[in-house]
Amino acid sequence: MVTAIVLIKAETRQIPELAVQIAETPGVSEVFSVAGRYDLVAVVRVSKNEDLADVISDKMRHLKGIVETETMIAFRAYSKQDLEAGFELGLD
């Protein structure tokens, strides 16, 4: 599984509609409305790197209202659940 985090600057009036459109895009698992430099954050999970181009470059970036995007590809995922499961198994 390949995970990417897409930071999105959007036209203010378009944010709610855009968030729904992005969330409905196959490969997008979550969309967050956020404060700060970006307006939305999308989490994309696909089976291989090549699929990122289909989801992000071919579908998401062309949606009306997106001004700019920045994509970060995750190397590893760390979560509280994963860490607790590791400790239960005796991993250090």
PDB file of N, CA and C in Angstrom:
ATOM      1  N   MET A   1       0.849  -1.184   0.000  1.00  0.00           N
ATOM      2  CA  MET A   1       0.000   0.000   0.000  1.00  0.00           C
ATOM      3  C   MET A   1       0.889   1.241   0.000  1.00  0.00           C
ATOM      4  N   VAL A   2       0.572   2.188  -0.864  1.00  0.00           N
ATOM      5  CA  VAL A   2       1.293   3.454  -0.961  1.00  0.00           C
ATOM      6  C   VAL A   2       0.361   4.551  -0.436  1.00  0.00           C
ATOM      7  N   THR A   3       0.893   5.386   0.451  1.00  0.00           N
ATOM      8  CA  THR A   3       0.097   6.473   1.016  1.00  0.00           C
ATOM      9  C   THR A   3       0.730   7.807   0.653  1.00  0.00           C
ATOM     10  N   ALA A   4      -0.109   8.746   0.256  1.00  0.00           N
ATOM     11  CA  ALA A   4       0.342  10.108  -0.023  1.00  0.00           C
ATOM     12  C   ALA A   4      -0.578  11.075   0.705  1.00  0.00           C
ATOM     13  N   ILE A   5       0.009  12.164   1.164  1.00  0.00           N
ATOM     14  CA  ILE A   5      -0.749  13.241   1.789  1.00  0.00           C
ATOM     15  C   ILE A   5      -0.693  14.413   0.820  1.00  0.00           C
ATOM     16  N   VAL A   6      -1.858  14.904   0.437  1.00  0.00           N
ATOM     17  CA  VAL A   6      -1.937  15.988  -0.528  1.00  0.00           C
ATOM     18  C   VAL A   6      -2.444  17.241   0.180  1.00  0.00           C
ATOM     19  N   LEU A   7      -1.614  18.272   0.196  1.00  0.00           N
ATOM     20  CA  LEU A   7      -1.973  19.560   0.781  1.00  0.00           C
ATOM     21  C   LEU A   7      -2.558  20.419  -0.325  1.00  0.00           C
ATOM     22  N   ILE A   8      -3.721  21.009  -0.085  1.00  0.00           N
ATOM     23  CA  ILE A   8      -4.463  21.680  -1.143  1.00  0.00           C
ATOM     24  C   ILE A   8      -4.837  23.107  -0.753  1.00  0.00           C
ATOM     25  N   LYS A   9      -4.465  24.063  -1.613  1.00  0.00           N
ATOM     26  CA  LYS A   9      -4.967  25.431  -1.498  1.00  0.00           C
ATOM     27  C   LYS A   9      -6.143  25.524  -2.469  1.00  0.00           C
ATOM     28  N   ALA A  10      -7.234  26.093  -1.992  1.00  0.00           N
ATOM     29  CA  ALA A  10      -8.451  26.129  -2.804  1.00  0.00           C
ATOM     30  C   ALA A  10      -9.090  27.508  -2.775  1.00  0.00           C
ATOM     31  N   GLU A  11      -9.928  27.759  -3.766  1.00  0.00           N
ATOM     32  CA  GLU A  11     -10.732  28.974  -3.761  1.00  0.00           C
ATOM     33  C   GLU A  11     -11.713  28.852  -2.597  1.00  0.00           C
ATOM     34  N   THR A  12     -11.773  29.872  -1.766  1.00  0.00           N
ATOM     35  CA  THR A  12     -12.544  29.823  -0.526  1.00  0.00           C
ATOM     36  C   THR A  12     -13.984  29.368  -0.729  1.00  0.00           C
ATOM     37  N   ARG A  13     -14.642  29.899  -1.720  1.00  0.00           N
ATOM     38  CA  ARG A  13     -16.054  29.547  -1.955  1.00  0.00           C
ATOM     39  C   ARG A  13     -16.242  28.090  -2.368  1.00  0.00           C
ATOM     40  N   GLN A  14     -15.194  27.494  -2.902  1.00  0.00           N
ATOM     41  CA  GLN A  14     -15.278  26.141  -3.434  1.00  0.00           C
ATOM     42  C   GLN A  14     -14.945  25.052  -2.403  1.00  0.00           C
ATOM     43  N   ILE A  15     -14.437  25.430  -1.245  1.00  0.00           N
ATOM     44  CA  ILE A  15     -13.898  24.451  -0.297  1.00  0.00           C
ATOM     45  C   ILE A  15     -14.888  23.332   0.062  1.00  0.00           C
ATOM     46  N   PRO A  16     -16.113  23.630   0.509  1.00  0.00           N
ATOM     47  CA  PRO A  16     -17.006  22.525   0.895  1.00  0.00           C
ATOM     48  C   PRO A  16     -17.315  21.559  -0.265  1.00  0.00           C
ATOM     49  N   GLU A  17     -17.638  22.108  -1.427  1.00  0.00           N
ATOM     50  CA  GLU A  17     -17.948  21.271  -2.590  1.00  0.00           C
ATOM     51  C   GLU A  17     -16.718  20.492  -3.039  1.00  0.00           C
ATOM     52  N   LEU A  18     -15.589  21.144  -3.023  1.00  0.00           N
ATOM     53  CA  LEU A  18     -14.340  20.526  -3.439  1.00  0.00           C
ATOM     54  C   LEU A  18     -13.978  19.368  -2.507  1.00  0.00           C
ATOM     55  N   ALA A  19     -14.155  19.568  -1.221  1.00  0.00           N
ATOM     56  CA  ALA A  19     -13.860  18.507  -0.243  1.00  0.00           C
ATOM     57  C   ALA A  19     -14.695  17.261  -0.529  1.00  0.00           C
ATOM     58  N   VAL A  20     -15.957  17.447  -0.847  1.00  0.00           N
ATOM     59  CA  VAL A  20     -16.838  16.315  -1.163  1.00  0.00           C
ATOM     60  C   VAL A  20     -16.381  15.629  -2.445  1.00  0.00           C
ATOM     61  N   GLN A  21     -16.065  16.408  -3.471  1.00  0.00           N
ATOM     62  CA  GLN A  21     -15.599  15.829  -4.732  1.00  0.00           C
ATOM     63  C   GLN A  21     -14.314  15.031  -4.548  1.00  0.00           C
ATOM     64  N   ILE A  22     -13.396  15.569  -3.774  1.00  0.00           N
ATOM     65  CA  ILE A  22     -12.134  14.875  -3.526  1.00  0.00           C
ATOM     66  C   ILE A  22     -12.392  13.591  -2.746  1.00  0.00           C
ATOM     67  N   ALA A  23     -13.239  13.663  -1.726  1.00  0.00           N
ATOM     68  CA  ALA A  23     -13.542  12.491  -0.905  1.00  0.00           C
ATOM     69  C   ALA A  23     -14.177  11.371  -1.722  1.00  0.00           C
ATOM     70  N   GLU A  24     -14.898  11.727  -2.773  1.00  0.00           N
ATOM     71  CA  GLU A  24     -15.560  10.731  -3.629  1.00  0.00           C
ATOM     72  C   GLU A  24     -14.619  10.151  -4.683  1.00  0.00           C
ATOM     73  N   THR A  25     -13.412  10.676  -4.796  1.00  0.00           N
ATOM     74  CA  THR A  25     -12.447  10.200  -5.781  1.00  0.00           C
ATOM     75  C   THR A  25     -11.893   8.847  -5.341  1.00  0.00           C
ATOM     76  N   PRO A  26     -11.965   7.833  -6.194  1.00  0.00           N
ATOM     77  CA  PRO A  26     -11.405   6.523  -5.837  1.00  0.00           C
ATOM     78  C   PRO A  26      -9.917   6.653  -5.492  1.00  0.00           C
ATOM     79  N   GLY A  27      -9.522   6.039  -4.382  1.00  0.00           N
ATOM     80  CA  GLY A  27      -8.149   6.121  -3.913  1.00  0.00           C
ATOM     81  C   GLY A  27      -7.969   7.114  -2.781  1.00  0.00           C
ATOM     82  N   VAL A  28      -8.912   8.026  -2.621  1.00  0.00           N
ATOM     83  CA  VAL A  28      -8.847   9.002  -1.534  1.00  0.00           C
ATOM     84  C   VAL A  28      -9.568   8.405  -0.330  1.00  0.00           C
ATOM     85  N   SER A  29      -8.840   8.270   0.785  1.00  0.00           N
ATOM     86  CA  SER A  29      -9.456   7.654   1.965  1.00  0.00           C
ATOM     87  C   SER A  29     -10.053   8.675   2.926  1.00  0.00           C
ATOM     88  N   GLU A  30      -9.455   9.874   2.983  1.00  0.00           N
ATOM     89  CA  GLU A  30      -9.936  10.900   3.902  1.00  0.00           C
ATOM     90  C   GLU A  30      -9.637  12.284   3.359  1.00  0.00           C
ATOM     91  N   VAL A  31     -10.480  13.245   3.721  1.00  0.00           N
ATOM     92  CA  VAL A  31     -10.244  14.655   3.388  1.00  0.00           C
ATOM     93  C   VAL A  31     -10.538  15.468   4.642  1.00  0.00           C
ATOM     94  N   PHE A  32      -9.625  16.363   4.967  1.00  0.00           N
ATOM     95  CA  PHE A  32      -9.784  17.213   6.146  1.00  0.00           C
ATOM     96  C   PHE A  32      -9.793  18.676   5.724  1.00  0.00           C
ATOM     97  N   SER A  33     -10.693  19.443   6.296  1.00  0.00           N
ATOM     98  CA  SER A  33     -10.659  20.894   6.170  1.00  0.00           C
ATOM     99  C   SER A  33      -9.766  21.371   7.304  1.00  0.00           C
ATOM    100  N   VAL A  34      -8.757  22.184   6.981  1.00  0.00           N
ATOM    101  CA  VAL A  34      -7.760  22.567   7.988  1.00  0.00           C
ATOM    102  C   VAL A  34      -7.530  24.076   8.002  1.00  0.00           C
ATOM    103  N   ALA A  35      -6.916  24.537   9.072  1.00  0.00           N
ATOM    104  CA  ALA A  35      -6.503  25.938   9.182  1.00  0.00           C
ATOM    105  C   ALA A  35      -5.018  26.013   8.871  1.00  0.00           C
ATOM    106  N   GLY A  36      -4.582  27.165   8.399  1.00  0.00           N
ATOM    107  CA  GLY A  36      -3.172  27.354   8.112  1.00  0.00           C
ATOM    108  C   GLY A  36      -2.950  27.700   6.654  1.00  0.00           C
ATOM    109  N   ARG A  37      -1.767  27.351   6.126  1.00  0.00           N
ATOM    110  CA  ARG A  37      -1.403  27.677   4.739  1.00  0.00           C
ATOM    111  C   ARG A  37      -2.274  26.963   3.720  1.00  0.00           C
ATOM    112  N   TYR A  38      -2.810  25.819   4.090  1.00  0.00           N
ATOM    113  CA  TYR A  38      -3.613  25.028   3.163  1.00  0.00           C
ATOM    114  C   TYR A  38      -5.047  24.990   3.645  1.00  0.00           C
ATOM    115  N   ASP A  39      -5.944  24.687   2.736  1.00  0.00           N
ATOM    116  CA  ASP A  39      -7.369  24.648   3.061  1.00  0.00           C
ATOM    117  C   ASP A  39      -7.872  23.232   3.294  1.00  0.00           C
ATOM    118  N   LEU A  40      -7.310  22.292   2.542  1.00  0.00           N
ATOM    119  CA  LEU A  40      -7.728  20.891   2.638  1.00  0.00           C
ATOM    120  C   LEU A  40      -6.503  19.989   2.659  1.00  0.00           C
ATOM    121  N   VAL A  41      -6.648  18.850   3.307  1.00  0.00           N
ATOM    122  CA  VAL A  41      -5.624  17.812   3.290  1.00  0.00           C
ATOM    123  C   VAL A  41      -6.324  16.521   2.905  1.00  0.00           C
ATOM    124  N   ALA A  42      -5.807  15.865   1.863  1.00  0.00           N
ATOM    125  CA  ALA A  42      -6.377  14.598   1.419  1.00  0.00           C
ATOM    126  C   ALA A  42      -5.364  13.486   1.656  1.00  0.00           C
ATOM    127  N   VAL A  43      -5.847  12.357   2.138  1.00  0.00           N
ATOM    128  CA  VAL A  43      -5.010  11.171   2.308  1.00  0.00           C
ATOM    129  C   VAL A  43      -5.372  10.209   1.187  1.00  0.00           C
ATOM    130  N   VAL A  44      -4.362   9.861   0.400  1.00  0.00           N
ATOM    131  CA  VAL A  44      -4.565   8.966  -0.742  1.00  0.00           C
ATOM    132  C   VAL A  44      -3.871   7.649  -0.435  1.00  0.00           C
ATOM    133  N   ARG A  45      -4.605   6.548  -0.605  1.00  0.00           N
ATOM    134  CA  ARG A  45      -4.031   5.210  -0.395  1.00  0.00           C
ATOM    135  C   ARG A  45      -4.316   4.369  -1.628  1.00  0.00           C
ATOM    136  N   VAL A  46      -3.244   3.934  -2.268  1.00  0.00           N
ATOM    137  CA  VAL A  46      -3.360   3.130  -3.487  1.00  0.00           C
ATOM    138  C   VAL A  46      -2.401   1.949  -3.401  1.00  0.00           C
ATOM    139  N   SER A  47      -2.541   1.007  -4.332  1.00  0.00           N
ATOM    140  CA  SER A  47      -1.723  -0.200  -4.252  1.00  0.00           C
ATOM    141  C   SER A  47      -0.303  -0.018  -4.768  1.00  0.00           C
ATOM    142  N   LYS A  48      -0.102   0.915  -5.708  1.00  0.00           N
ATOM    143  CA  LYS A  48       1.253   1.112  -6.238  1.00  0.00           C
ATOM    144  C   LYS A  48       1.477   2.574  -6.609  1.00  0.00           C
ATOM    145  N   ASN A  49       2.756   2.957  -6.709  1.00  0.00           N
ATOM    146  CA  ASN A  49       3.123   4.352  -6.990  1.00  0.00           C
ATOM    147  C   ASN A  49       2.464   4.901  -8.240  1.00  0.00           C
ATOM    148  N   GLU A  50       2.394   4.080  -9.278  1.00  0.00           N
ATOM    149  CA  GLU A  50       1.820   4.539 -10.549  1.00  0.00           C
ATOM    150  C   GLU A  50       0.373   5.002 -10.388  1.00  0.00           C
ATOM    151  N   ASP A  51      -0.326   4.405  -9.430  1.00  0.00           N
ATOM    152  CA  ASP A  51      -1.725   4.777  -9.199  1.00  0.00           C
ATOM    153  C   ASP A  51      -1.851   6.180  -8.608  1.00  0.00           C
ATOM    154  N   LEU A  52      -0.792   6.668  -7.965  1.00  0.00           N
ATOM    155  CA  LEU A  52      -0.832   8.033  -7.432  1.00  0.00           C
ATOM    156  C   LEU A  52      -1.049   9.046  -8.546  1.00  0.00           C
ATOM    157  N   ALA A  53      -0.392   8.825  -9.677  1.00  0.00           N
ATOM    158  CA  ALA A  53      -0.551   9.747 -10.812  1.00  0.00           C
ATOM    159  C   ALA A  53      -1.999   9.764 -11.291  1.00  0.00           C
ATOM    160  N   ASP A  54      -2.631   8.602 -11.328  1.00  0.00           N
ATOM    161  CA  ASP A  54      -4.035   8.534 -11.754  1.00  0.00           C
ATOM    162  C   ASP A  54      -4.935   9.335 -10.824  1.00  0.00           C
ATOM    163  N   VAL A  55      -4.722   9.157  -9.533  1.00  0.00           N
ATOM    164  CA  VAL A  55      -5.594   9.815  -8.555  1.00  0.00           C
ATOM    165  C   VAL A  55      -5.275  11.303  -8.427  1.00  0.00           C
ATOM    166  N   ILE A  56      -4.003  11.626  -8.241  1.00  0.00           N
ATOM    167  CA  ILE A  56      -3.629  13.016  -7.932  1.00  0.00           C
ATOM    168  C   ILE A  56      -3.504  13.867  -9.186  1.00  0.00           C
ATOM    169  N   SER A  57      -2.676  13.464 -10.120  1.00  0.00           N
ATOM    170  CA  SER A  57      -2.426  14.286 -11.311  1.00  0.00           C
ATOM    171  C   SER A  57      -3.588  14.273 -12.293  1.00  0.00           C
ATOM    172  N   ASP A  58      -4.166  13.101 -12.527  1.00  0.00           N
ATOM    173  CA  ASP A  58      -5.205  12.997 -13.551  1.00  0.00           C
ATOM    174  C   ASP A  58      -6.591  13.374 -13.054  1.00  0.00           C
ATOM    175  N   LYS A  59      -6.892  13.134 -11.782  1.00  0.00           N
ATOM    176  CA  LYS A  59      -8.251  13.394 -11.293  1.00  0.00           C
ATOM    177  C   LYS A  59      -8.334  14.600 -10.357  1.00  0.00           C
ATOM    178  N   MET A  60      -7.610  14.548  -9.250  1.00  0.00           N
ATOM    179  CA  MET A  60      -7.756  15.594  -8.235  1.00  0.00           C
ATOM    180  C   MET A  60      -7.325  16.979  -8.704  1.00  0.00           C
ATOM    181  N   ARG A  61      -6.134  17.082  -9.268  1.00  0.00           N
ATOM    182  CA  ARG A  61      -5.590  18.407  -9.591  1.00  0.00           C
ATOM    183  C   ARG A  61      -6.408  19.179 -10.614  1.00  0.00           C
ATOM    184  N   HIS A  62      -7.251  18.502 -11.365  1.00  0.00           N
ATOM    185  CA  HIS A  62      -8.043  19.175 -12.395  1.00  0.00           C
ATOM    186  C   HIS A  62      -9.436  19.581 -11.909  1.00  0.00           C
ATOM    187  N   LEU A  63      -9.715  19.335 -10.644  1.00  0.00           N
ATOM    188  CA  LEU A  63     -11.017  19.731 -10.119  1.00  0.00           C
ATOM    189  C   LEU A  63     -11.087  21.249 -10.007  1.00  0.00           C
ATOM    190  N   LYS A  64     -12.232  21.782 -10.363  1.00  0.00           N
ATOM    191  CA  LYS A  64     -12.436  23.227 -10.315  1.00  0.00           C
ATOM    192  C   LYS A  64     -12.349  23.711  -8.866  1.00  0.00           C
ATOM    193  N   GLY A  65     -11.552  24.743  -8.656  1.00  0.00           N
ATOM    194  CA  GLY A  65     -11.418  25.339  -7.335  1.00  0.00           C
ATOM    195  C   GLY A  65     -10.071  25.075  -6.681  1.00  0.00           C
ATOM    196  N   ILE A  66      -9.312  24.120  -7.216  1.00  0.00           N
ATOM    197  CA  ILE A  66      -7.984  23.870  -6.669  1.00  0.00           C
ATOM    198  C   ILE A  66      -7.022  24.899  -7.243  1.00  0.00           C
ATOM    199  N   VAL A  67      -6.318  25.587  -6.365  1.00  0.00           N
ATOM    200  CA  VAL A  67      -5.373  26.620  -6.763  1.00  0.00           C
ATOM    201  C   VAL A  67      -3.954  26.057  -6.827  1.00  0.00           C
ATOM    202  N   GLU A  68      -3.616  25.226  -5.838  1.00  0.00           N
ATOM    203  CA  GLU A  68      -2.257  24.681  -5.736  1.00  0.00           C
ATOM    204  C   GLU A  68      -2.293  23.416  -4.898  1.00  0.00           C
ATOM    205  N   THR A  69      -1.399  22.477  -5.214  1.00  0.00           N
ATOM    206  CA  THR A  69      -1.270  21.271  -4.390  1.00  0.00           C
ATOM    207  C   THR A  69       0.195  20.998  -4.088  1.00  0.00           C
ATOM    208  N   GLU A  70       0.410  20.313  -2.999  1.00  0.00           N
ATOM    209  CA  GLU A  70       1.744  19.806  -2.655  1.00  0.00           C
ATOM    210  C   GLU A  70       1.533  18.381  -2.157  1.00  0.00           C
ATOM    211  N   THR A  71       2.267  17.441  -2.726  1.00  0.00           N
ATOM    212  CA  THR A  71       2.082  16.036  -2.387  1.00  0.00           C
ATOM    213  C   THR A  71       3.293  15.504  -1.647  1.00  0.00           C
ATOM    214  N   MET A  72       3.025  14.799  -0.557  1.00  0.00           N
ATOM    215  CA  MET A  72       4.072  14.140   0.216  1.00  0.00           C
ATOM    216  C   MET A  72       3.784  12.642   0.199  1.00  0.00           C
ATOM    217  N   ILE A  73       4.769  11.853  -0.209  1.00  0.00           N
ATOM    218  CA  ILE A  73       4.613  10.401  -0.233  1.00  0.00           C
ATOM    219  C   ILE A  73       5.185   9.846   1.067  1.00  0.00           C
ATOM    220  N   ALA A  74       4.399   9.015   1.735  1.00  0.00           N
ATOM    221  CA  ALA A  74       4.822   8.444   3.012  1.00  0.00           C
ATOM    222  C   ALA A  74       5.754   7.260   2.792  1.00  0.00           C
ATOM    223  N   PHE A  75       6.863   7.227   3.546  1.00  0.00           N
ATOM    224  CA  PHE A  75       7.777   6.087   3.511  1.00  0.00           C
ATOM    225  C   PHE A  75       7.321   5.001   4.467  1.00  0.00           C
ATOM    226  N   ARG A  76       6.976   5.416   5.690  1.00  0.00           N
ATOM    227  CA  ARG A  76       6.513   4.494   6.726  1.00  0.00           C
ATOM    228  C   ARG A  76       5.366   5.149   7.476  1.00  0.00           C
ATOM    229  N   ALA A  77       4.518   4.304   8.048  1.00  0.00           N
ATOM    230  CA  ALA A  77       3.417   4.808   8.864  1.00  0.00           C
ATOM    231  C   ALA A  77       3.638   4.379  10.305  1.00  0.00           C
ATOM    232  N   TYR A  78       3.459   5.303  11.215  1.00  0.00           N
ATOM    233  CA  TYR A  78       3.561   5.025  12.638  1.00  0.00           C
ATOM    234  C   TYR A  78       2.257   5.469  13.279  1.00  0.00           C
ATOM    235  N   SER A  79       1.654   4.582  14.029  1.00  0.00           N
ATOM    236  CA  SER A  79       0.431   4.958  14.730  1.00  0.00           C
ATOM    237  C   SER A  79       0.482   4.387  16.136  1.00  0.00           C
ATOM    238  N   LYS A  80      -0.310   4.930  17.006  1.00  0.00           N
ATOM    239  CA  LYS A  80      -0.355   4.467  18.382  1.00  0.00           C
ATOM    240  C   LYS A  80      -0.726   2.985  18.422  1.00  0.00           C
ATOM    241  N   GLN A  81      -1.662   2.586  17.585  1.00  0.00           N
ATOM    242  CA  GLN A  81      -2.078   1.179  17.518  1.00  0.00           C
ATOM    243  C   GLN A  81      -0.911   0.285  17.128  1.00  0.00           C
ATOM    244  N   ASP A  82      -0.167   0.678  16.105  1.00  0.00           N
ATOM    245  CA  ASP A  82       0.968  -0.126  15.648  1.00  0.00           C
ATOM    246  C   ASP A  82       2.025  -0.236  16.738  1.00  0.00           C
ATOM    247  N   LEU A  83       2.308   0.867  17.411  1.00  0.00           N
ATOM    248  CA  LEU A  83       3.320   0.853  18.469  1.00  0.00           C
ATOM    249  C   LEU A  83       2.885  -0.029  19.637  1.00  0.00           C
ATOM    250  N   GLU A  84       1.614   0.068  20.044  1.00  0.00           N
ATOM    251  CA  GLU A  84       1.120  -0.747  21.140  1.00  0.00           C
ATOM    252  C   GLU A  84       1.141  -2.234  20.770  1.00  0.00           C
ATOM    253  N   ALA A  85       0.793  -2.568  19.534  1.00  0.00           N
ATOM    254  CA  ALA A  85       0.821  -3.965  19.083  1.00  0.00           C
ATOM    255  C   ALA A  85       2.258  -4.493  19.098  1.00  0.00           C
ATOM    256  N   GLY A  86       3.221  -3.669  18.725  1.00  0.00           N
ATOM    257  CA  GLY A  86       4.623  -4.074  18.749  1.00  0.00           C
ATOM    258  C   GLY A  86       5.098  -4.369  20.152  1.00  0.00           C
ATOM    259  N   PHE A  87       4.695  -3.536  21.112  1.00  0.00           N
ATOM    260  CA  PHE A  87       5.106  -3.758  22.496  1.00  0.00           C
ATOM    261  C   PHE A  87       4.462  -5.031  23.047  1.00  0.00           C
ATOM    262  N   GLU A  88       3.224  -5.321  22.661  1.00  0.00           N
ATOM    263  CA  GLU A  88       2.553  -6.532  23.107  1.00  0.00           C
ATOM    264  C   GLU A  88       3.266  -7.779  22.589  1.00  0.00           C
ATOM    265  N   LEU A  89       3.883  -7.674  21.409  1.00  0.00           N
ATOM    266  CA  LEU A  89       4.611  -8.798  20.838  1.00  0.00           C
ATOM    267  C   LEU A  89       6.009  -8.931  21.412  1.00  0.00           C
ATOM    268  N   GLY A  90       6.425  -7.942  22.196  1.00  0.00           N
ATOM    269  CA  GLY A  90       7.751  -7.969  22.783  1.00  0.00           C
ATOM    270  C   GLY A  90       8.808  -7.306  21.915  1.00  0.00           C
ATOM    271  N   LEU A  91       8.404  -6.520  20.935  1.00  0.00           N
ATOM    272  CA  LEU A  91       9.351  -5.800  20.090  1.00  0.00           C
ATOM    273  C   LEU A  91       9.855  -4.557  20.805  1.00  0.00           C
ATOM    274  N   ASP A  92      11.113  -4.240  20.618  1.00  0.00           N
ATOM    275  CA  ASP A  92      11.665  -3.032  21.247  1.00  0.00           C
ATOM    276  C   ASP A  92      11.963  -1.988  20.230  1.00  0.00           C
TER     277      ASP A  92
END
